[in-house]
């Protein structure tokens, strides 16, 4: 139901991933109504991992990106791997950059694909990439 809205946001300069999160995660939002909420995890004595949406019952963490597919997706992956409560990780990323030059979804899938046979040994049962 948010497809047109999300596609329009990915092409607007100055829109942040928090703007996208607000459309998806919250009390009366699609992911919020399914039990997802912003969650902060303590890792060791001094580190924290904040995830945009986490469903405690299912162990699914969701990270929403606006257009930084580069290093940000690896930070998302790091969170998925270091938090024991996270069983499945989901990255929601634009299909293409605002300028239409970069194919962010395709690049993210390509970067994550070599991990597929290793996921369980890394502590994840699944890793999904959703494009908007």
C-alpha atoms as a PDB file:
ATOM      1  CA  UNK A   1       0.000   0.000   0.000  1.00  0.00           C
ATOM      2  CA  UNK A   2       3.005   2.319   0.386  1.00  0.00           C
ATOM      3  CA  UNK A   3       4.637   1.474  -2.960  1.00  0.00           C
ATOM      4  CA  UNK A   4       3.914   4.758  -4.770  1.00  0.00           C
ATOM      5  CA  UNK A   5       4.776   6.808  -1.695  1.00  0.00           C
ATOM      6  CA  UNK A   6       8.102   4.988  -1.156  1.00  0.00           C
ATOM      7  CA  UNK A   7       9.078   5.268  -4.812  1.00  0.00           C
ATOM      8  CA  UNK A   8       8.407   9.000  -4.700  1.00  0.00           C
ATOM      9  CA  UNK A   9      10.536   9.442  -1.561  1.00  0.00           C
ATOM     10  CA  UNK A  10      13.567   7.662  -2.989  1.00  0.00           C
ATOM     11  CA  UNK A  11      13.795  10.351  -5.678  1.00  0.00           C
ATOM     12  CA  UNK A  12      13.634  13.391  -3.400  1.00  0.00           C
ATOM     13  CA  UNK A  13      16.822  15.145  -2.328  1.00  0.00           C
ATOM     14  CA  UNK A  14      17.028  15.698   1.413  1.00  0.00           C
ATOM     15  CA  UNK A  15      14.764  12.815   2.384  1.00  0.00           C
ATOM     16  CA  UNK A  16      16.447  10.587   4.945  1.00  0.00           C
ATOM     17  CA  UNK A  17      16.083   6.946   5.879  1.00  0.00           C
ATOM     18  CA  UNK A  18      14.244   8.141   8.999  1.00  0.00           C
ATOM     19  CA  UNK A  19      11.544   9.593   6.731  1.00  0.00           C
ATOM     20  CA  UNK A  20      11.159   6.166   5.110  1.00  0.00           C
ATOM     21  CA  UNK A  21      11.150   4.459   8.529  1.00  0.00           C
ATOM     22  CA  UNK A  22       8.377   6.772   9.690  1.00  0.00           C
ATOM     23  CA  UNK A  23       6.231   5.594   6.783  1.00  0.00           C
ATOM     24  CA  UNK A  24       6.803   1.928   7.678  1.00  0.00           C
ATOM     25  CA  UNK A  25       7.498   1.568  11.388  1.00  0.00           C
ATOM     26  CA  UNK A  26       5.341   3.006  14.135  1.00  0.00           C
ATOM     27  CA  UNK A  27       2.144   2.344  16.035  1.00  0.00           C
ATOM     28  CA  UNK A  28      -0.216   2.503  13.044  1.00  0.00           C
ATOM     29  CA  UNK A  29       2.278   1.813  10.271  1.00  0.00           C
ATOM     30  CA  UNK A  30       2.581  -1.411   8.221  1.00  0.00           C
ATOM     31  CA  UNK A  31       5.570  -2.882  10.073  1.00  0.00           C
ATOM     32  CA  UNK A  32       4.548  -1.398  13.416  1.00  0.00           C
ATOM     33  CA  UNK A  33       1.191  -3.152  13.244  1.00  0.00           C
ATOM     34  CA  UNK A  34       3.097  -6.429  12.692  1.00  0.00           C
ATOM     35  CA  UNK A  35       5.072  -5.986  15.911  1.00  0.00           C
ATOM     36  CA  UNK A  36       8.197  -4.160  14.705  1.00  0.00           C
ATOM     37  CA  UNK A  37       9.662  -1.256  16.656  1.00  0.00           C
ATOM     38  CA  UNK A  38      12.930   0.637  16.980  1.00  0.00           C
ATOM     39  CA  UNK A  39      15.182  -1.340  19.320  1.00  0.00           C
ATOM     40  CA  UNK A  40      18.566  -0.679  20.876  1.00  0.00           C
ATOM     41  CA  UNK A  41      20.718  -3.634  21.920  1.00  0.00           C
ATOM     42  CA  UNK A  42      23.619  -3.575  24.348  1.00  0.00           C
ATOM     43  CA  UNK A  43      26.696  -5.366  23.035  1.00  0.00           C
ATOM     44  CA  UNK A  44      29.299  -5.946  25.688  1.00  0.00           C
ATOM     45  CA  UNK A  45      30.094  -3.140  28.096  1.00  0.00           C
ATOM     46  CA  UNK A  46      30.341  -0.150  25.791  1.00  0.00           C
ATOM     47  CA  UNK A  47      28.799  -0.912  22.398  1.00  0.00           C
ATOM     48  CA  UNK A  48      25.236  -0.559  21.200  1.00  0.00           C
ATOM     49  CA  UNK A  49      23.480  -1.709  18.065  1.00  0.00           C
ATOM     50  CA  UNK A  50      20.319   0.182  17.133  1.00  0.00           C
ATOM     51  CA  UNK A  51      17.967  -1.356  14.586  1.00  0.00           C
ATOM     52  CA  UNK A  52      15.185   0.470  12.792  1.00  0.00           C
ATOM     53  CA  UNK A  53      12.663  -2.282  13.424  1.00  0.00           C
ATOM     54  CA  UNK A  54      12.770  -5.471  15.448  1.00  0.00           C
ATOM     55  CA  UNK A  55      10.103  -8.104  16.021  1.00  0.00           C
ATOM     56  CA  UNK A  56      11.066  -9.787  19.271  1.00  0.00           C
ATOM     57  CA  UNK A  57       8.696 -12.736  18.774  1.00  0.00           C
ATOM     58  CA  UNK A  58      10.128 -13.619  15.357  1.00  0.00           C
ATOM     59  CA  UNK A  59      13.738 -12.493  15.877  1.00  0.00           C
ATOM     60  CA  UNK A  60      13.585 -10.402  12.694  1.00  0.00           C
ATOM     61  CA  UNK A  61      15.546  -7.134  12.467  1.00  0.00           C
ATOM     62  CA  UNK A  62      14.819  -4.576   9.748  1.00  0.00           C
ATOM     63  CA  UNK A  63      17.160  -1.828   8.577  1.00  0.00           C
ATOM     64  CA  UNK A  64      15.820   0.858   6.232  1.00  0.00           C
ATOM     65  CA  UNK A  65      18.204   2.671   3.907  1.00  0.00           C
ATOM     66  CA  UNK A  66      17.534   5.726   1.760  1.00  0.00           C
ATOM     67  CA  UNK A  67      20.352   5.510  -0.706  1.00  0.00           C
ATOM     68  CA  UNK A  68      23.642   4.596   0.872  1.00  0.00           C
ATOM     69  CA  UNK A  69      24.195   1.069  -0.255  1.00  0.00           C
ATOM     70  CA  UNK A  70      27.969   1.149   0.203  1.00  0.00           C
ATOM     71  CA  UNK A  71      29.371   0.695   3.679  1.00  0.00           C
ATOM     72  CA  UNK A  72      26.010   1.193   5.369  1.00  0.00           C
ATOM     73  CA  UNK A  73      24.745  -2.236   4.330  1.00  0.00           C
ATOM     74  CA  UNK A  74      27.802  -3.799   5.955  1.00  0.00           C
ATOM     75  CA  UNK A  75      27.072  -1.885   9.173  1.00  0.00           C
ATOM     76  CA  UNK A  76      23.567  -3.313   8.994  1.00  0.00           C
ATOM     77  CA  UNK A  77      24.988  -6.796   8.488  1.00  0.00           C
ATOM     78  CA  UNK A  78      27.326  -6.292  11.467  1.00  0.00           C
ATOM     79  CA  UNK A  79      24.323  -5.540  13.676  1.00  0.00           C
ATOM     80  CA  UNK A  80      22.550  -8.657  12.456  1.00  0.00           C
ATOM     81  CA  UNK A  81      25.596 -10.784  13.248  1.00  0.00           C
ATOM     82  CA  UNK A  82      26.582  -9.430  16.673  1.00  0.00           C
ATOM     83  CA  UNK A  83      23.138  -9.341  18.290  1.00  0.00           C
ATOM     84  CA  UNK A  84      22.194 -12.814  19.487  1.00  0.00           C
ATOM     85  CA  UNK A  85      18.451 -11.993  19.505  1.00  0.00           C
ATOM     86  CA  UNK A  86      18.504 -11.349  15.741  1.00  0.00           C
ATOM     87  CA  UNK A  87      17.738 -14.554  13.856  1.00  0.00           C
ATOM     88  CA  UNK A  88      16.781 -13.018  10.483  1.00  0.00           C
ATOM     89  CA  UNK A  89      17.994  -9.752   8.957  1.00  0.00           C
ATOM     90  CA  UNK A  90      16.185  -7.585   6.417  1.00  0.00           C
ATOM     91  CA  UNK A  91      17.612  -4.591   4.552  1.00  0.00           C
ATOM     92  CA  UNK A  92      15.089  -2.356   2.797  1.00  0.00           C
ATOM     93  CA  UNK A  93      16.890  -0.301   0.148  1.00  0.00           C
ATOM     94  CA  UNK A  94      15.975   1.744  -2.945  1.00  0.00           C
ATOM     95  CA  UNK A  95      16.034  -0.140  -6.227  1.00  0.00           C
ATOM     96  CA  UNK A  96      18.094   2.658  -7.732  1.00  0.00           C
ATOM     97  CA  UNK A  97      19.744   5.870  -6.622  1.00  0.00           C
ATOM     98  CA  UNK A  98      17.958   9.199  -6.818  1.00  0.00           C
ATOM     99  CA  UNK A  99      19.907  10.079  -9.951  1.00  0.00           C
ATOM    100  CA  UNK A 100      19.176   6.686 -11.486  1.00  0.00           C
ATOM    101  CA  UNK A 101      22.901   5.942 -11.909  1.00  0.00           C
ATOM    102  CA  UNK A 102      23.365   3.292  -9.233  1.00  0.00           C
ATOM    103  CA  UNK A 103      21.341   0.095  -8.964  1.00  0.00           C
ATOM    104  CA  UNK A 104      21.436  -0.093  -5.163  1.00  0.00           C
ATOM    105  CA  UNK A 105      19.166  -3.113  -4.784  1.00  0.00           C
ATOM    106  CA  UNK A 106      21.040  -5.204  -7.349  1.00  0.00           C
ATOM    107  CA  UNK A 107      24.427  -4.211  -5.906  1.00  0.00           C
ATOM    108  CA  UNK A 108      23.325  -5.089  -2.366  1.00  0.00           C
ATOM    109  CA  UNK A 109      22.048  -8.496  -3.446  1.00  0.00           C
ATOM    110  CA  UNK A 110      25.316  -9.115  -5.293  1.00  0.00           C
ATOM    111  CA  UNK A 111      27.374  -8.148  -2.232  1.00  0.00           C
ATOM    112  CA  UNK A 112      25.317 -10.321   0.125  1.00  0.00           C
ATOM    113  CA  UNK A 113      25.007 -13.362  -2.173  1.00  0.00           C
ATOM    114  CA  UNK A 114      28.368 -14.964  -1.208  1.00  0.00           C
ATOM    115  CA  UNK A 115      27.135 -15.042   2.395  1.00  0.00           C
ATOM    116  CA  UNK A 116      24.173 -17.290   1.628  1.00  0.00           C
ATOM    117  CA  UNK A 117      25.894 -20.645   2.227  1.00  0.00           C
ATOM    118  CA  UNK A 118      27.576 -19.255   5.373  1.00  0.00           C
ATOM    119  CA  UNK A 119      24.642 -17.561   7.087  1.00  0.00           C
ATOM    120  CA  UNK A 120      23.885 -20.236   9.661  1.00  0.00           C
ATOM    121  CA  UNK A 121      27.534 -20.538  10.655  1.00  0.00           C
ATOM    122  CA  UNK A 122      27.490 -16.751  11.138  1.00  0.00           C
ATOM    123  CA  UNK A 123      24.443 -16.983  13.402  1.00  0.00           C
ATOM    124  CA  UNK A 124      21.654 -15.988  11.000  1.00  0.00           C
ATOM    125  CA  UNK A 125      18.926 -18.202   9.601  1.00  0.00           C
ATOM    126  CA  UNK A 126      18.165 -15.770   6.810  1.00  0.00           C
ATOM    127  CA  UNK A 127      19.039 -12.465   5.196  1.00  0.00           C
ATOM    128  CA  UNK A 128      16.646 -10.646   2.877  1.00  0.00           C
ATOM    129  CA  UNK A 129      16.979  -7.555   0.701  1.00  0.00           C
ATOM    130  CA  UNK A 130      13.783  -5.711  -0.206  1.00  0.00           C
ATOM    131  CA  UNK A 131      13.832  -3.033  -2.887  1.00  0.00           C
ATOM    132  CA  UNK A 132      11.511  -0.048  -3.102  1.00  0.00           C
END
